[in-house]
Every structure is written in structure tokens, then in C-alpha cells.
C-alpha atoms as a PDB file:
ATOM      1  CA  MET A   1      80.644 117.553  73.627  1.00  0.00           C
ATOM      2  CA  GLU A   2      80.037 113.832  74.086  1.00  0.00           C
ATOM      3  CA  ILE A   3      81.738 112.014  76.934  1.00  0.00           C
ATOM      4  CA  SER A   4      81.968 108.231  76.915  1.00  0.00           C
ATOM      5  CA  ILE A   5      83.559 106.166  79.653  1.00  0.00           C
ATOM      6  CA  TYR A   6      85.058 102.817  78.712  1.00  0.00           C
ATOM      7  CA  SER A   7      87.284 100.418  80.596  1.00  0.00           C
ATOM      8  CA  LEU A   8      90.512  98.513  79.977  1.00  0.00           C
ATOM      9  CA  LEU A   9      91.782  97.393  76.561  1.00  0.00           C
ATOM     10  CA  GLU A  10      88.298  96.639  75.208  1.00  0.00           C
ATOM     11  CA  GLY A  11      87.271 100.182  76.025  1.00  0.00           C
ATOM     12  CA  ALA A  12      90.382 101.629  74.413  1.00  0.00           C
ATOM     13  CA  THR A  13      89.591  99.853  71.141  1.00  0.00           C
ATOM     14  CA  ARG A  14      86.077 101.356  71.154  1.00  0.00           C
ATOM     15  CA  ALA A  15      87.242 104.935  71.735  1.00  0.00           C
ATOM     16  CA  THR A  16      87.136 107.350  68.802  1.00  0.00           C
ATOM     17  CA  GLY A  17      87.902 111.028  68.274  1.00  0.00           C
ATOM     18  CA  LEU A  18      89.819 112.928  70.927  1.00  0.00           C
ATOM     19  CA  VAL A  19      90.624 110.383  73.636  1.00  0.00           C
ATOM     20  CA  ALA A  20      92.008 110.667  77.161  1.00  0.00           C
ATOM     21  CA  VAL A  21      93.226 107.385  78.625  1.00  0.00           C
ATOM     22  CA  ILE A  22      93.541 107.389  82.402  1.00  0.00           C
ATOM     23  CA  ASP A  23      95.191 104.617  84.427  1.00  0.00           C
ATOM     24  CA  VAL A  24      95.214 106.182  87.854  1.00  0.00           C
ATOM     25  CA  PHE A  25      93.680 103.925  90.390  1.00  0.00           C
ATOM     26  CA  ARG A  26      96.239 101.461  91.742  1.00  0.00           C
ATOM     27  CA  ALA A  27      99.418 101.982  89.731  1.00  0.00           C
ATOM     28  CA  PHE A  28      99.412 105.781  89.721  1.00  0.00           C
ATOM     29  CA  THR A  29      98.409 106.004  93.367  1.00  0.00           C
ATOM     30  CA  SER A  30     101.157 103.493  94.246  1.00  0.00           C
ATOM     31  CA  ALA A  31     103.678 105.682  92.398  1.00  0.00           C
ATOM     32  CA  ALA A  32     102.531 108.774  94.282  1.00  0.00           C
ATOM     33  CA  VAL A  33     102.776 106.955  97.636  1.00  0.00           C
ATOM     34  CA  ALA A  34     106.266 105.636  96.789  1.00  0.00           C
ATOM     35  CA  LEU A  35     107.473 109.147  95.914  1.00  0.00           C
ATOM     36  CA  ALA A  36     105.913 110.562  99.078  1.00  0.00           C
ATOM     37  CA  ASN A  37     107.744 107.817 101.016  1.00  0.00           C
ATOM     38  CA  GLY A  38     111.159 108.867  99.711  1.00  0.00           C
ATOM     39  CA  ALA A  39     111.649 107.130  96.360  1.00  0.00           C
ATOM     40  CA  SER A  40     114.088 109.151  94.239  1.00  0.00           C
ATOM     41  CA  ASN A  41     112.210 108.457  91.011  1.00  0.00           C
ATOM     42  CA  ILE A  42     110.167 105.826  89.190  1.00  0.00           C
ATOM     43  CA  VAL A  43     110.920 104.270  85.818  1.00  0.00           C
ATOM     44  CA  MET A  44     107.730 103.005  84.133  1.00  0.00           C
ATOM     45  CA  VAL A  45     108.410 100.068  81.834  1.00  0.00           C
ATOM     46  CA  GLU A  46     107.062  96.777  80.548  1.00  0.00           C
ATOM     47  CA  GLU A  47     110.160  94.749  81.493  1.00  0.00           C
ATOM     48  CA  ALA A  48     110.593  95.795  85.126  1.00  0.00           C
ATOM     49  CA  LEU A  49     112.485  92.707  86.321  1.00  0.00           C
ATOM     50  CA  ALA A  50     115.110  92.975  83.582  1.00  0.00           C
ATOM     51  CA  LEU A  51     115.793  96.624  84.449  1.00  0.00           C
ATOM     52  CA  ARG A  52     116.025  95.937  88.172  1.00  0.00           C
ATOM     53  CA  ASP A  53     118.348  93.016  87.506  1.00  0.00           C
ATOM     54  CA  ALA A  54     120.495  95.278  85.288  1.00  0.00           C
ATOM     55  CA  GLY A  55     120.870  97.731  88.180  1.00  0.00           C
ATOM     56  CA  ILE A  56     118.581 100.437  86.734  1.00  0.00           C
ATOM     57  CA  GLY A  57     116.430 100.360  89.880  1.00  0.00           C
ATOM     58  CA  GLN A  58     116.499  98.853  93.345  1.00  0.00           C
ATOM     59  CA  ILE A  59     112.795  98.061  93.842  1.00  0.00           C
ATOM     60  CA  CYS A  60     110.504  96.248  91.405  1.00  0.00           C
ATOM     61  CA  MET A  61     106.807  97.088  91.757  1.00  0.00           C
ATOM     62  CA  GLY A  62     103.974  96.056  89.481  1.00  0.00           C
ATOM     63  CA  GLU A  63     101.196  93.706  88.628  1.00  0.00           C
ATOM     64  CA  VAL A  64      99.789  91.323  86.091  1.00  0.00           C
ATOM     65  CA  GLY A  65      96.102  90.622  86.436  1.00  0.00           C
ATOM     66  CA  GLY A  66      95.982  92.560  89.686  1.00  0.00           C
ATOM     67  CA  LYS A  67      98.766  90.609  91.427  1.00  0.00           C
ATOM     68  CA  ALA A  68     102.505  91.083  91.837  1.00  0.00           C
ATOM     69  CA  PRO A  69     104.333  88.700  89.478  1.00  0.00           C
ATOM     70  CA  ALA A  70     106.937  86.265  90.788  1.00  0.00           C
ATOM     71  CA  GLY A  71     110.159  88.053  91.634  1.00  0.00           C
ATOM     72  CA  PHE A  72     108.585  91.482  92.186  1.00  0.00           C
ATOM     73  CA  ASP A  73     109.123  93.225  95.507  1.00  0.00           C
ATOM     74  CA  PHE A  74     105.625  94.726  95.643  1.00  0.00           C
ATOM     75  CA  GLY A  75     102.360  94.823  93.746  1.00  0.00           C
ATOM     76  CA  ASN A  76     100.667  98.055  92.660  1.00  0.00           C
ATOM     77  CA  SER A  77      99.031  98.450  96.043  1.00  0.00           C
ATOM     78  CA  PRO A  78      99.158 101.850  97.722  1.00  0.00           C
ATOM     79  CA  PHE A  79      98.205 100.224 101.041  1.00  0.00           C
ATOM     80  CA  GLU A  80     100.972  97.619 100.804  1.00  0.00           C
ATOM     81  CA  ILE A  81     103.679 100.307 100.520  1.00  0.00           C
ATOM     82  CA  SER A  82     102.048 103.035 102.621  1.00  0.00           C
ATOM     83  CA  GLY A  83     104.278 102.480 105.653  1.00  0.00           C
ATOM     84  CA  LEU A  84     107.571 101.861 103.849  1.00  0.00           C
ATOM     85  CA  ASP A  85     110.560 104.176 103.632  1.00  0.00           C
ATOM     86  CA  PHE A  86     112.062 103.976 100.142  1.00  0.00           C
ATOM     87  CA  GLY A  87     114.961 106.211 101.197  1.00  0.00           C
ATOM     88  CA  GLY A  88     116.080 107.568  97.821  1.00  0.00           C
ATOM     89  CA  LYS A  89     115.773 104.257  95.951  1.00  0.00           C
ATOM     90  CA  ARG A  90     114.747 104.134  92.296  1.00  0.00           C
ATOM     91  CA  ILE A  91     111.643 102.058  91.631  1.00  0.00           C
ATOM     92  CA  VAL A  92     110.991 100.193  88.409  1.00  0.00           C
ATOM     93  CA  GLN A  93     107.230  99.868  87.952  1.00  0.00           C
ATOM     94  CA  ARG A  94     105.032  97.855  85.595  1.00  0.00           C
ATOM     95  CA  THR A  95     101.250  97.773  85.237  1.00  0.00           C
ATOM     96  CA  SER A  96      98.961  95.298  83.553  1.00  0.00           C
ATOM     97  CA  ALA A  97      97.282  98.215  81.800  1.00  0.00           C
ATOM     98  CA  GLY A  98     100.374  98.797  79.674  1.00  0.00           C
ATOM     99  CA  THR A  99     102.301 101.526  81.439  1.00  0.00           C
END
């Protein structure tokens, strides 16, 4: 078995054979923290603002280039949301890695 570790989109284009793509650091950890802090569920999408504005979710969380875009409630920062109570709210989340 050969294991290669690549990063981001450039790494994904280099990968061949059986591939596991893992985006767990900030976005996935933020999702886990939000659920632990009472979020009812999380909808992962590309167009998070449009879904929040359509009433699909109450909180918009995500990032582009490592920062929360204009209009988002939070970035993908586990620390930023660690002390919040999401009290059964649905979160719409976007990541710059394509989730």
C-alpha cells in the first residue's frame, strides 16, 4: 500500500487510485462544536446565504479563504463558537474547500 498526503485543490488533482479526501480541521470541527452546543442540524452547501435568506436555516457559518464572508454570522472557527448556545437552530455552513 502506498500512502500519499496532498493538500487542497492542487493535491486533489494529483491524487490517483483509491482516494480519501478529508476536510476536517476547521469546518468539520466547527460543525461538531455547533452540534455539541445545541444546533438541531447542519446543512452543508455552497450557497449558504441564499438558503439562510430563504428560511432554510437560522445561522450562516462558513469561510472563503479562511475568513467569514460578508453577511455570514460566523466563520469556520471552533473557538469563535465554542461558548455559544445554538438552542435547536439549524445552521447553514459553507467551506472554501468545497463542502
